[in-house]
Amino acid sequence: GNEQNLQLRTLLKELDSCIDLDKVTYARIGAVKEGSVRPVRVTFEKKDFVPWVLSRSRVLKDSDQFPSVFLGPDRSVEERQAHRKLVEEMKKKRLEIPDRVFFIRQGSVCSKPRHTDDQD
């Protein structure tokens, strides 16, 4: 409802968005389960907005209001299965090599050295 609309507007403002929110549709998806938060599917008027919004999603980590919000692309069933395997592989590598930071880029698990405060 109105609260969800306000949160979406605030989130897009946090991303420095100039997207016309009157041309954006959104809806909660999935079954209602107590103690869990359902994802919101957001559909933009133009597909060109999706890569831009996804590229700006890192800004949310540093925000006061949305540090735990995750933005991801709409994926097919096959894409979700492949991504889930990559996430499992990444988690396994994090446990095996704790001094590196792991992330997924362009369909593969990548890593870089972990920065610690005493290295600055």
Protein backbone atom coordinates (compact mmCIF):
# COMPACT_ATOMS: atom_id res chain seq x y z
CA GLY A 1 0.00 0.00 0.00
CA ASN A 2 1.03 3.56 0.72
CA GLU A 3 3.84 2.59 3.12
CA GLN A 4 5.36 0.28 0.50
CA ASN A 5 5.07 3.05 -2.11
CA LEU A 6 6.83 5.50 0.23
CA GLN A 7 9.62 2.98 0.94
CA LEU A 8 10.13 2.36 -2.79
CA ARG A 9 10.28 6.11 -3.47
CA THR A 10 12.77 6.57 -0.63
CA LEU A 11 14.91 3.66 -1.86
CA LEU A 12 15.04 5.00 -5.42
CA LYS A 13 15.91 8.48 -4.11
CA GLU A 14 18.77 6.87 -2.14
CA LEU A 15 20.05 5.56 -5.49
CA ASP A 16 19.91 9.10 -6.95
CA SER A 17 17.19 7.93 -9.28
CA CYS A 18 15.28 10.14 -11.66
CA ILE A 19 12.89 7.33 -12.58
CA ASP A 20 9.25 8.37 -12.78
CA LEU A 21 7.66 6.27 -10.03
CA ASP A 22 4.21 6.71 -11.53
CA LYS A 23 5.42 4.39 -14.30
CA VAL A 24 6.82 1.74 -11.95
CA THR A 25 4.78 -1.26 -10.82
CA TYR A 26 5.59 -3.45 -7.85
CA ALA A 27 4.09 -6.35 -5.92
CA ARG A 28 5.09 -8.66 -3.08
CA ILE A 29 5.75 -12.19 -4.31
CA GLY A 30 5.78 -15.54 -2.58
CA ALA A 31 3.70 -17.01 0.21
CA VAL A 32 3.18 -15.17 3.47
CA LYS A 33 5.23 -16.81 6.24
CA GLU A 34 5.46 -15.52 9.76
CA GLY A 35 8.92 -14.19 10.58
CA SER A 36 10.05 -13.81 6.98
CA VAL A 37 10.08 -10.94 4.55
CA ARG A 38 8.70 -11.51 1.08
CA PRO A 39 10.57 -10.07 -1.89
CA VAL A 40 9.13 -7.25 -3.94
CA ARG A 41 9.13 -7.52 -7.73
CA VAL A 42 9.61 -4.10 -9.28
CA THR A 43 8.87 -3.56 -12.97
CA PHE A 44 10.12 -0.45 -14.72
CA GLU A 45 8.57 1.20 -17.76
CA LYS A 46 11.85 0.80 -19.67
CA LYS A 47 14.19 -2.20 -19.46
CA ASP A 48 17.11 0.24 -19.71
CA PHE A 49 16.52 1.23 -16.07
CA VAL A 50 17.22 -2.27 -14.71
CA PRO A 51 21.03 -2.39 -15.26
CA TRP A 52 21.34 1.16 -13.96
CA VAL A 53 19.41 0.43 -10.76
CA LEU A 54 21.33 -2.83 -10.22
CA SER A 55 24.67 -1.06 -10.73
CA ARG A 56 23.72 1.52 -8.09
CA SER A 57 22.54 -1.08 -5.56
CA ARG A 58 25.88 -1.04 -3.68
CA VAL A 59 24.98 2.46 -2.49
CA LEU A 60 22.31 0.88 -0.30
CA LYS A 61 24.88 -1.03 1.81
CA ASP A 62 26.21 2.28 3.12
CA SER A 63 22.80 3.87 3.65
CA ASP A 64 21.22 4.24 7.07
CA GLN A 65 17.78 3.10 5.90
CA PHE A 66 18.52 0.19 3.54
CA PRO A 67 21.75 -1.60 4.57
CA SER A 68 20.13 -5.05 4.39
CA VAL A 69 18.21 -4.57 1.11
CA PHE A 70 19.33 -6.81 -1.74
CA LEU A 71 18.55 -6.00 -5.37
CA GLY A 72 18.82 -8.70 -7.99
CA PRO A 73 17.72 -9.28 -11.55
CA ASP A 74 14.63 -11.28 -12.44
CA ARG A 75 15.90 -14.78 -13.22
CA SER A 76 14.36 -17.80 -14.93
CA VAL A 77 14.16 -21.11 -13.04
CA GLU A 78 17.35 -22.32 -14.74
CA GLU A 79 19.17 -19.07 -13.97
CA ARG A 80 18.10 -19.27 -10.32
CA GLN A 81 19.41 -22.85 -10.05
CA ALA A 82 22.75 -21.89 -11.63
CA HIS A 83 23.04 -18.84 -9.35
CA ARG A 84 22.22 -20.95 -6.28
CA LYS A 85 25.08 -23.32 -7.20
CA LEU A 86 27.45 -20.37 -7.52
CA VAL A 87 26.37 -19.05 -4.11
CA GLU A 88 26.96 -22.48 -2.53
CA GLU A 89 30.41 -22.66 -4.16
CA MET A 90 31.20 -19.16 -2.91
CA LYS A 91 30.15 -20.02 0.66
CA LYS A 92 32.34 -23.14 0.59
CA LYS A 93 35.35 -21.14 -0.62
CA ARG A 94 34.78 -18.50 2.10
CA LEU A 95 35.10 -21.21 4.73
CA GLU A 96 38.17 -22.77 3.07
CA ILE A 97 40.02 -19.48 2.48
CA PRO A 98 38.90 -16.94 5.12
CA ASP A 99 41.57 -14.34 4.26
CA ARG A 100 39.94 -13.59 0.88
CA VAL A 101 36.67 -11.89 -0.05
CA PHE A 102 34.58 -13.89 -2.52
CA PHE A 103 31.93 -12.56 -4.89
CA ILE A 104 30.10 -13.58 -8.06
CA ARG A 105 30.92 -11.76 -11.30
CA GLN A 106 29.71 -12.64 -14.78
CA GLY A 107 28.73 -16.19 -13.87
CA SER A 108 31.79 -17.24 -11.86
CA VAL A 109 33.12 -17.04 -8.32
CA CYS A 110 35.93 -14.48 -7.96
CA SER A 111 38.01 -13.33 -5.01
CA LYS A 112 40.32 -10.61 -3.79
CA PRO A 113 42.43 -10.18 -0.64
CA ARG A 114 40.50 -9.22 2.47
CA HIS A 115 41.41 -5.76 3.76
CA THR A 116 42.00 -5.46 7.48
CA ASP A 117 42.37 -2.31 9.55
CA ASP A 118 46.03 -2.93 10.33
CA GLN A 119 46.91 -2.96 6.60
CA ASP A 120 45.77 0.63 6.05
